[in-house]
């Protein structure tokens, strides 16, 4: 059969296809949307850093060059800093980039690490869910207070904490679910399997 022309053509096509470079697979629409949203969240961080930097430079220029300090720049820097930290922790940092105390975590087996991840994620979810109503009430209460120079309501400043809490609840539910299913644990190559407890 190897001598038949049709068989030879199929063999040539098969060998030509295996030699041709493979086209990259397109990411799913969900992954593309998540990637797009993550980039927009990074844009917010960049804008907050730029506003902080410009406010800081204005404060230096007005205080030391013109001898007329600006009070509102301090408020802008504090507002941007609070939003920058909580926005970044909610939407930019991945689980692998977060700080963790992993002295014991590195010593145990993968199954025990998954158990640690499920327990810690669920504990954090419970803590945030229980505290969410009180946090929401505090943010609503703070609409009565205003900043000294800008007159900005403090509920706008503290509303990022509610956003942060909801984002952390969703993220840690996802982390616990993946750990329960045995997926997406942080890679630890510090110890060999024989050195683990």
Protein backbone atom coordinates (compact mmCIF):
# COMPACT_ATOMS: atom_id res chain seq x y z
CA UNK A 1 0.00 0.00 0.00
CA UNK A 2 2.95 2.31 0.53
CA UNK A 3 3.39 2.58 -3.23
CA UNK A 4 -0.04 3.87 -4.03
CA UNK A 5 -0.09 7.58 -5.02
CA UNK A 6 -2.89 8.51 -2.63
CA UNK A 7 -1.06 6.96 0.31
CA UNK A 8 2.16 8.74 -0.65
CA UNK A 9 0.31 12.09 -0.80
CA UNK A 10 -1.19 11.50 2.67
CA UNK A 11 2.25 10.66 4.04
CA UNK A 12 3.72 13.81 2.47
CA UNK A 13 0.92 15.97 3.85
CA UNK A 14 1.30 14.44 7.29
CA UNK A 15 5.07 15.01 7.30
CA UNK A 16 4.63 18.57 5.96
CA UNK A 17 2.09 19.36 8.69
CA UNK A 18 4.40 18.03 11.39
CA UNK A 19 7.23 20.22 10.04
CA UNK A 20 5.13 23.39 9.83
CA UNK A 21 5.16 25.67 12.85
CA UNK A 22 2.12 25.27 15.03
CA UNK A 23 -0.16 28.24 15.39
CA UNK A 24 -0.63 29.41 18.96
CA UNK A 25 -3.94 28.57 20.46
CA UNK A 26 -6.24 31.49 21.05
CA UNK A 27 -7.08 32.11 24.67
CA UNK A 28 -10.69 31.67 25.62
CA UNK A 29 -12.94 34.70 25.83
CA UNK A 30 -12.99 34.40 29.62
CA UNK A 31 -9.19 34.48 29.85
CA UNK A 32 -9.06 37.41 27.43
CA UNK A 33 -11.62 39.32 29.49
CA UNK A 34 -9.73 38.60 32.71
CA UNK A 35 -6.46 39.69 31.11
CA UNK A 36 -8.10 42.89 29.85
CA UNK A 37 -9.59 43.63 33.28
CA UNK A 38 -6.23 42.99 34.96
CA UNK A 39 -4.55 45.45 32.60
CA UNK A 40 -7.20 48.07 33.39
CA UNK A 41 -6.63 47.47 37.11
CA UNK A 42 -2.91 48.02 36.51
CA UNK A 43 -3.80 51.26 34.69
CA UNK A 44 -5.64 52.44 37.80
CA UNK A 45 -2.53 51.69 39.89
CA UNK A 46 -0.34 53.63 37.46
CA UNK A 47 -2.73 56.59 37.56
CA UNK A 48 -2.75 56.57 41.37
CA UNK A 49 1.05 56.48 41.50
CA UNK A 50 1.26 59.34 38.99
CA UNK A 51 -1.20 61.45 41.01
CA UNK A 52 0.76 60.72 44.19
CA UNK A 53 4.05 61.66 42.54
CA UNK A 54 2.72 64.90 41.05
CA UNK A 55 1.14 65.88 44.39
CA UNK A 56 4.40 65.12 46.15
CA UNK A 57 6.39 67.25 43.70
CA UNK A 58 3.88 70.11 44.03
CA UNK A 59 4.19 69.95 47.81
CA UNK A 60 8.00 70.13 47.61
CA UNK A 61 7.95 72.98 45.09
CA UNK A 62 5.40 75.06 46.99
CA UNK A 63 6.93 74.40 50.40
CA UNK A 64 10.63 74.89 49.64
CA UNK A 65 10.68 77.11 46.55
CA UNK A 66 7.67 79.35 47.12
CA UNK A 67 7.45 79.04 50.94
CA UNK A 68 3.69 78.43 50.63
CA UNK A 69 2.93 74.83 51.68
CA UNK A 70 -0.15 73.16 50.24
CA UNK A 71 -2.29 71.19 52.66
CA UNK A 72 -4.42 69.40 50.10
CA UNK A 73 -1.47 67.52 48.61
CA UNK A 74 -1.08 65.52 51.83
CA UNK A 75 -4.72 64.47 51.61
CA UNK A 76 -4.34 63.45 47.96
CA UNK A 77 -1.24 61.38 48.75
CA UNK A 78 -2.99 59.59 51.65
CA UNK A 79 -6.10 58.94 49.56
CA UNK A 80 -4.05 57.58 46.67
CA UNK A 81 -1.90 55.46 48.99
CA UNK A 82 -4.88 53.80 50.69
CA UNK A 83 -6.54 53.09 47.34
CA UNK A 84 -3.26 51.94 45.77
CA UNK A 85 -2.52 49.37 48.48
CA UNK A 86 -6.02 47.90 48.73
CA UNK A 87 -6.77 48.04 44.97
CA UNK A 88 -3.43 46.37 44.21
CA UNK A 89 -3.98 43.67 46.85
CA UNK A 90 -7.50 43.02 45.55
CA UNK A 91 -6.91 42.98 41.80
CA UNK A 92 -3.20 42.90 40.93
CA UNK A 93 -1.35 40.57 43.30
CA UNK A 94 -1.63 36.89 42.56
CA UNK A 95 -1.69 34.28 45.28
CA UNK A 96 1.94 33.37 44.52
CA UNK A 97 3.03 36.99 45.05
CA UNK A 98 1.46 37.34 48.47
CA UNK A 99 3.59 37.12 51.59
CA UNK A 100 3.21 33.84 53.41
CA UNK A 101 4.89 32.16 56.34
CA UNK A 102 6.03 29.01 54.61
CA UNK A 103 8.56 27.47 57.00
CA UNK A 104 6.19 24.62 57.92
CA UNK A 105 4.39 24.75 54.56
CA UNK A 106 7.59 23.77 52.72
CA UNK A 107 8.24 20.80 55.00
CA UNK A 108 4.95 18.97 54.50
CA UNK A 109 3.62 16.89 51.63
CA UNK A 110 1.53 18.29 48.79
CA UNK A 111 -1.67 16.85 50.25
CA UNK A 112 -1.01 18.57 53.58
CA UNK A 113 -0.19 21.83 51.77
CA UNK A 114 -3.53 21.57 49.97
CA UNK A 115 -5.23 21.05 53.34
CA UNK A 116 -3.40 24.11 54.76
CA UNK A 117 -4.48 26.17 51.75
CA UNK A 118 -8.13 25.11 52.02
CA UNK A 119 -8.26 25.77 55.78
CA UNK A 120 -6.52 29.16 55.60
CA UNK A 121 -8.55 30.33 52.61
CA UNK A 122 -11.85 29.29 54.18
CA UNK A 123 -10.86 30.91 57.50
CA UNK A 124 -10.11 34.16 55.65
CA UNK A 125 -13.39 33.95 53.75
CA UNK A 126 -15.36 33.40 56.98
CA UNK A 127 -13.55 36.29 58.69
CA UNK A 128 -14.20 38.68 55.80
CA UNK A 129 -17.82 37.61 55.36
CA UNK A 130 -18.52 38.06 59.08
CA UNK A 131 -16.84 41.50 59.12
CA UNK A 132 -18.37 42.73 55.84
CA UNK A 133 -21.65 44.10 57.32
CA UNK A 134 -19.76 46.04 60.01
CA UNK A 135 -17.31 47.35 57.39
CA UNK A 136 -20.18 48.43 55.16
CA UNK A 137 -21.90 50.20 58.07
CA UNK A 138 -18.65 51.98 58.97
CA UNK A 139 -18.19 53.18 55.40
CA UNK A 140 -21.77 54.47 55.36
CA UNK A 141 -21.24 56.16 58.73
CA UNK A 142 -18.11 57.93 57.46
CA UNK A 143 -20.10 59.93 54.89
CA UNK A 144 -20.68 62.40 57.72
CA UNK A 145 -16.95 63.14 57.98
CA UNK A 146 -15.03 65.22 55.45
CA UNK A 147 -11.36 65.88 54.87
CA UNK A 148 -9.97 69.22 56.10
CA UNK A 149 -8.73 70.74 52.84
CA UNK A 150 -10.57 69.05 49.99
CA UNK A 151 -13.85 68.52 51.82
CA UNK A 152 -13.98 64.99 50.43
CA UNK A 153 -16.33 62.60 52.20
CA UNK A 154 -14.51 59.81 53.99
CA UNK A 155 -16.93 57.17 52.75
CA UNK A 156 -15.31 57.60 49.32
CA UNK A 157 -11.90 57.01 50.87
CA UNK A 158 -12.94 53.92 52.85
CA UNK A 159 -15.19 52.39 50.21
CA UNK A 160 -12.13 50.68 48.73
CA UNK A 161 -12.03 48.43 51.79
CA UNK A 162 -15.44 46.97 50.95
CA UNK A 163 -14.29 46.41 47.36
CA UNK A 164 -11.10 44.80 48.68
CA UNK A 165 -13.07 42.52 51.03
CA UNK A 166 -15.44 41.31 48.32
CA UNK A 167 -12.54 40.69 45.91
CA UNK A 168 -10.65 38.73 48.59
CA UNK A 169 -13.73 36.65 49.40
CA UNK A 170 -14.14 35.70 45.75
CA UNK A 171 -10.41 35.06 45.26
CA UNK A 172 -10.01 32.89 48.35
CA UNK A 173 -13.13 30.87 47.55
CA UNK A 174 -11.50 30.18 44.17
CA UNK A 175 -8.14 29.34 45.82
CA UNK A 176 -9.82 26.96 48.30
CA UNK A 177 -11.78 25.28 45.50
CA UNK A 178 -8.65 24.78 43.39
CA UNK A 179 -6.68 23.47 46.37
CA UNK A 180 -9.52 21.08 47.21
CA UNK A 181 -9.41 19.80 43.62
CA UNK A 182 -5.59 19.56 43.76
CA UNK A 183 -4.78 22.36 41.34
CA UNK A 184 -2.81 25.63 41.38
CA UNK A 185 -0.71 25.27 44.51
CA UNK A 186 2.40 27.46 44.76
CA UNK A 187 5.48 25.71 43.40
CA UNK A 188 7.97 24.90 46.10
CA UNK A 189 11.20 23.39 44.87
CA UNK A 190 13.22 24.11 47.99
CA UNK A 191 13.07 20.57 49.40
CA UNK A 192 13.11 17.18 47.75
CA UNK A 193 10.19 14.85 48.45
CA UNK A 194 12.44 12.72 50.69
CA UNK A 195 13.10 15.71 52.98
CA UNK A 196 9.42 16.43 53.58
CA UNK A 197 7.66 15.20 56.72
